[in-house]
């Protein structure tokens, strides 16, 4: 190879650097989404943000539960009634208790009358659902949340034998006792002796309007209720509206 002055100069002179391509400007997430089709946007958002979305949904649900619980804690239940075994062709109308009786008692907006209709069988005929329902009733009685039971004869007999009802002849005021005297129902209590544990409310406007289907419907006041003002008022409302 022939060495020339030109070749020597080329070897001694540094080669100019090859220019690197400038990096593309970094696009924001919004710019990326604008450049996509709707189908691509859905795919992109789901794949890159599904965990974030799930966390947001969970946070919203937790917040909703907390807010609802705090809001409900500002309410006061003034009467809790259960209607048991109303075998009627028409659905039990709980609004008579929850709304009409509330108006009768002149209750405030945050004073509630709670009512529910349930079905229970007893003894050898009791189903698993009945056992669960009876456990719920027992828990409500134990916590002094349940005040009134309106049921059939089997219901009154069952709970009376457990000491579940007030003896109305001993616990009602004289004027209210006079009002219910002809309607008292006697059954055996925890001591084996018969006491006036219920009031028959058949033939009343309340029984008709609520669509009570027991034959006859019987009302008992739970023995450990702490809301006697409202339990006694309910008797007056039913028998002397």
Protein backbone atom coordinates (compact mmCIF):
# COMPACT_ATOMS: atom_id res chain seq x y z
CA UNK A 1 0.00 0.00 0.00
CA UNK A 2 1.42 3.34 -1.04
CA UNK A 3 1.58 5.91 1.68
CA UNK A 4 0.79 9.37 0.45
CA UNK A 5 0.58 12.72 2.09
CA UNK A 6 -3.20 12.66 1.72
CA UNK A 7 -3.57 9.31 3.45
CA UNK A 8 -1.36 10.45 6.30
CA UNK A 9 -3.47 13.54 6.76
CA UNK A 10 -6.67 11.50 6.83
CA UNK A 11 -5.28 9.27 9.57
CA UNK A 12 -4.06 12.17 11.71
CA UNK A 13 -7.24 14.29 11.39
CA UNK A 14 -10.16 13.14 13.62
CA UNK A 15 -13.35 12.07 11.86
CA UNK A 16 -16.38 14.28 12.46
CA UNK A 17 -18.90 12.61 14.85
CA UNK A 18 -22.01 11.09 13.37
CA UNK A 19 -24.97 13.13 14.61
CA UNK A 20 -27.42 11.18 16.80
CA UNK A 21 -31.15 11.47 16.02
CA UNK A 22 -32.92 13.72 18.45
CA UNK A 23 -35.29 11.81 20.74
CA UNK A 24 -38.97 12.28 20.14
CA UNK A 25 -40.57 14.64 22.64
CA UNK A 26 -42.25 12.75 25.48
CA UNK A 27 -46.00 12.84 25.08
CA UNK A 28 -48.42 13.21 27.95
CA UNK A 29 -51.03 10.54 28.68
CA UNK A 30 -53.72 12.82 27.32
CA UNK A 31 -51.82 13.28 24.05
CA UNK A 32 -51.35 9.52 23.76
CA UNK A 33 -55.05 8.93 24.24
CA UNK A 34 -56.00 11.62 21.70
CA UNK A 35 -53.89 9.88 19.09
CA UNK A 36 -55.64 6.51 19.61
CA UNK A 37 -58.85 5.07 18.30
CA UNK A 38 -61.67 4.48 20.79
CA UNK A 39 -60.95 0.75 20.78
CA UNK A 40 -57.27 1.35 21.49
CA UNK A 41 -58.14 3.83 24.24
CA UNK A 42 -60.31 1.27 26.02
CA UNK A 43 -57.59 -1.36 25.74
CA UNK A 44 -54.90 1.06 26.96
CA UNK A 45 -56.90 2.35 29.92
CA UNK A 46 -57.96 -1.15 31.00
CA UNK A 47 -54.46 -2.62 30.82
CA UNK A 48 -52.60 0.26 32.43
CA UNK A 49 -55.15 1.62 34.90
CA UNK A 50 -57.37 -1.31 35.97
CA UNK A 51 -55.61 -1.61 39.33
CA UNK A 52 -56.03 2.11 39.95
CA UNK A 53 -59.69 1.95 38.99
CA UNK A 54 -60.27 -1.02 41.29
CA UNK A 55 -58.68 0.85 44.19
CA UNK A 56 -60.87 3.89 43.50
CA UNK A 57 -64.02 1.73 43.42
CA UNK A 58 -63.08 0.03 46.70
CA UNK A 59 -62.33 3.40 48.31
CA UNK A 60 -65.70 4.80 47.16
CA UNK A 61 -67.57 1.75 48.51
CA UNK A 62 -65.81 1.97 51.88
CA UNK A 63 -66.56 5.68 52.06
CA UNK A 64 -70.22 5.03 51.22
CA UNK A 65 -70.53 2.39 53.96
CA UNK A 66 -68.91 4.72 56.51
CA UNK A 67 -71.12 7.67 55.55
CA UNK A 68 -74.27 5.50 55.58
CA UNK A 69 -73.39 4.07 59.00
CA UNK A 70 -72.70 7.51 60.43
CA UNK A 71 -75.96 8.84 58.97
CA UNK A 72 -78.02 5.93 60.34
CA UNK A 73 -76.42 6.37 63.76
CA UNK A 74 -78.18 9.73 63.97
CA UNK A 75 -81.60 7.98 63.87
CA UNK A 76 -83.41 6.62 66.90
CA UNK A 77 -85.64 3.55 66.71
CA UNK A 78 -88.63 4.17 68.98
CA UNK A 79 -90.46 0.92 68.23
CA UNK A 80 -89.48 -2.39 66.63
CA UNK A 81 -92.32 -4.73 65.67
CA UNK A 82 -92.27 -8.16 64.04
CA UNK A 83 -95.29 -9.60 62.24
CA UNK A 84 -94.92 -13.38 62.33
CA UNK A 85 -96.75 -15.97 60.20
CA UNK A 86 -99.25 -13.74 58.44
CA UNK A 87 -100.60 -16.21 55.89
CA UNK A 88 -102.60 -13.70 53.90
CA UNK A 89 -103.29 -13.57 50.18
CA UNK A 90 -102.16 -9.94 50.29
CA UNK A 91 -98.68 -8.78 51.25
CA UNK A 92 -98.38 -7.32 54.74
CA UNK A 93 -98.50 -3.52 54.56
CA UNK A 94 -95.77 -2.35 56.93
CA UNK A 95 -96.42 1.31 56.13
CA UNK A 96 -99.33 1.29 58.60
CA UNK A 97 -96.79 0.86 61.38
CA UNK A 98 -93.86 2.72 59.89
CA UNK A 99 -95.77 5.75 58.64
CA UNK A 100 -99.34 5.98 59.96
CA UNK A 101 -98.48 5.06 63.54
CA UNK A 102 -95.46 7.39 63.37
CA UNK A 103 -97.83 10.24 62.49
CA UNK A 104 -100.18 9.18 65.29
CA UNK A 105 -97.23 9.39 67.72
CA UNK A 106 -96.09 12.70 66.22
CA UNK A 107 -92.59 11.31 65.75
CA UNK A 108 -89.72 13.39 64.42
CA UNK A 109 -87.99 12.74 61.10
CA UNK A 110 -85.20 10.83 62.78
CA UNK A 111 -87.44 8.76 65.05
CA UNK A 112 -88.13 5.46 63.35
CA UNK A 113 -90.68 2.70 63.67
CA UNK A 114 -89.05 -0.48 62.38
CA UNK A 115 -91.26 -3.35 61.23
CA UNK A 116 -90.73 -6.58 59.35
CA UNK A 117 -92.80 -9.60 58.37
CA UNK A 118 -91.31 -13.10 58.80
CA UNK A 119 -92.37 -16.75 58.82
CA UNK A 120 -91.34 -19.32 61.43
CA UNK A 121 -92.17 -22.95 62.16
CA UNK A 122 -91.67 -24.49 65.58
CA UNK A 123 -90.75 -27.82 67.12
CA UNK A 124 -90.24 -30.82 64.86
CA UNK A 125 -91.44 -28.85 61.83
CA UNK A 126 -88.79 -26.14 62.19
CA UNK A 127 -86.55 -25.73 59.16
CA UNK A 128 -82.98 -24.46 59.05
CA UNK A 129 -84.35 -21.07 57.99
CA UNK A 130 -86.69 -21.10 61.00
CA UNK A 131 -83.79 -21.83 63.35
CA UNK A 132 -81.88 -18.89 61.86
CA UNK A 133 -84.93 -16.63 62.22
CA UNK A 134 -85.49 -17.72 65.81
CA UNK A 135 -81.83 -16.97 66.54
CA UNK A 136 -82.32 -13.48 65.10
CA UNK A 137 -85.40 -12.90 67.27
CA UNK A 138 -83.53 -14.11 70.34
CA UNK A 139 -80.66 -11.73 69.59
CA UNK A 140 -83.08 -8.80 69.19
CA UNK A 141 -84.80 -9.65 72.47
CA UNK A 142 -81.46 -10.06 74.28
CA UNK A 143 -80.28 -6.66 73.06
CA UNK A 144 -83.64 -5.07 74.01
CA UNK A 145 -84.25 -3.99 70.43
CA UNK A 146 -87.52 -5.88 69.83
CA UNK A 147 -90.71 -4.51 71.40
CA UNK A 148 -93.78 -6.03 69.77
CA UNK A 149 -94.65 -9.40 68.21
CA UNK A 150 -97.84 -9.83 66.24
CA UNK A 151 -98.24 -13.51 65.48
CA UNK A 152 -100.43 -16.58 65.39
CA UNK A 153 -101.31 -18.76 68.40
CA UNK A 154 -98.25 -20.99 67.88
CA UNK A 155 -95.97 -17.95 68.04
CA UNK A 156 -97.54 -16.59 71.22
CA UNK A 157 -97.44 -20.03 72.88
CA UNK A 158 -93.80 -20.59 71.91
CA UNK A 159 -92.40 -17.32 73.20
CA UNK A 160 -94.69 -17.20 76.24
CA UNK A 161 -93.24 -20.52 77.39
CA UNK A 162 -89.80 -18.89 77.28
CA UNK A 163 -90.86 -15.90 79.36
CA UNK A 164 -90.89 -13.69 76.28
CA UNK A 165 -93.96 -11.52 76.99
CA UNK A 166 -95.26 -9.15 79.64
CA UNK A 167 -98.20 -10.29 81.73
CA UNK A 168 -100.62 -7.63 80.53
CA UNK A 169 -102.92 -7.87 83.52
CA UNK A 170 -100.02 -6.84 85.74
CA UNK A 171 -98.21 -4.39 83.49
CA UNK A 172 -100.84 -2.28 81.70
CA UNK A 173 -102.30 0.90 83.17
CA UNK A 174 -105.89 0.55 84.52
CA UNK A 175 -107.46 2.48 81.64
CA UNK A 176 -105.57 0.53 78.98
CA UNK A 177 -106.32 -2.75 80.71
CA UNK A 178 -110.01 -1.88 80.60
CA UNK A 179 -109.67 -1.25 76.87
CA UNK A 180 -108.13 -4.69 76.18
CA UNK A 181 -109.90 -6.74 78.88
CA UNK A 182 -112.27 -8.53 76.50
CA UNK A 183 -109.46 -9.32 74.09
CA UNK A 184 -106.86 -10.83 76.44
CA UNK A 185 -105.39 -14.20 75.46
CA UNK A 186 -104.13 -16.51 78.22
CA UNK A 187 -101.41 -19.10 77.68
CA UNK A 188 -98.83 -20.96 79.76
CA UNK A 189 -95.75 -19.04 80.73
CA UNK A 190 -92.28 -20.08 81.82
CA UNK A 191 -93.70 -21.09 85.22
CA UNK A 192 -96.33 -23.35 83.64
CA UNK A 193 -99.21 -21.15 84.80
CA UNK A 194 -101.46 -19.28 82.38
CA UNK A 195 -101.14 -15.51 82.12
CA UNK A 196 -102.51 -12.77 79.85
CA UNK A 197 -99.65 -12.61 77.41
CA UNK A 198 -101.41 -11.32 74.29
CA UNK A 199 -104.23 -9.22 72.92
CA UNK A 200 -106.41 -10.40 70.05
CA UNK A 201 -106.59 -7.61 67.47
CA UNK A 202 -108.83 -9.25 64.84
CA UNK A 203 -111.66 -7.11 63.47
CA UNK A 204 -109.72 -3.87 63.89
CA UNK A 205 -109.03 -1.40 61.10
CA UNK A 206 -105.34 -1.92 61.81
CA UNK A 207 -105.57 -5.68 61.13
CA UNK A 208 -107.50 -5.08 57.93
CA UNK A 209 -105.29 -2.29 56.61
CA UNK A 210 -102.06 -4.16 57.44
CA UNK A 211 -103.49 -7.32 55.79
CA UNK A 212 -102.84 -9.51 58.80
CA UNK A 213 -103.51 -13.14 57.90
CA UNK A 214 -103.20 -14.89 61.27
CA UNK A 215 -106.39 -16.52 62.53
CA UNK A 216 -106.62 -14.61 64.78
CA UNK A 217 -103.76 -12.08 64.92
CA UNK A 218 -102.38 -11.79 68.47
CA UNK A 219 -100.19 -9.01 69.84
CA UNK A 220 -97.67 -9.54 72.62
CA UNK A 221 -95.35 -7.01 74.26
CA UNK A 222 -91.79 -8.32 74.66
CA UNK A 223 -90.98 -8.74 78.35
CA UNK A 224 -87.78 -6.69 78.46
CA UNK A 225 -88.83 -3.80 76.22
CA UNK A 226 -87.56 -0.38 77.24
CA UNK A 227 -90.06 1.48 75.04
CA UNK A 228 -93.29 1.09 76.97
CA UNK A 229 -94.44 4.56 75.98
CA UNK A 230 -94.69 3.42 72.37
CA UNK A 231 -95.80 -0.18 72.92
CA UNK A 232 -98.77 1.01 74.97
CA UNK A 233 -99.48 3.76 72.45
CA UNK A 234 -99.64 1.11 69.72
CA UNK A 235 -102.33 -0.76 71.64
CA UNK A 236 -104.32 2.47 71.94
CA UNK A 237 -103.80 3.19 68.25
CA UNK A 238 -105.06 -0.26 67.26
CA UNK A 239 -108.04 -0.50 69.60
CA UNK A 240 -109.10 3.13 69.85
CA UNK A 241 -107.77 4.92 66.76
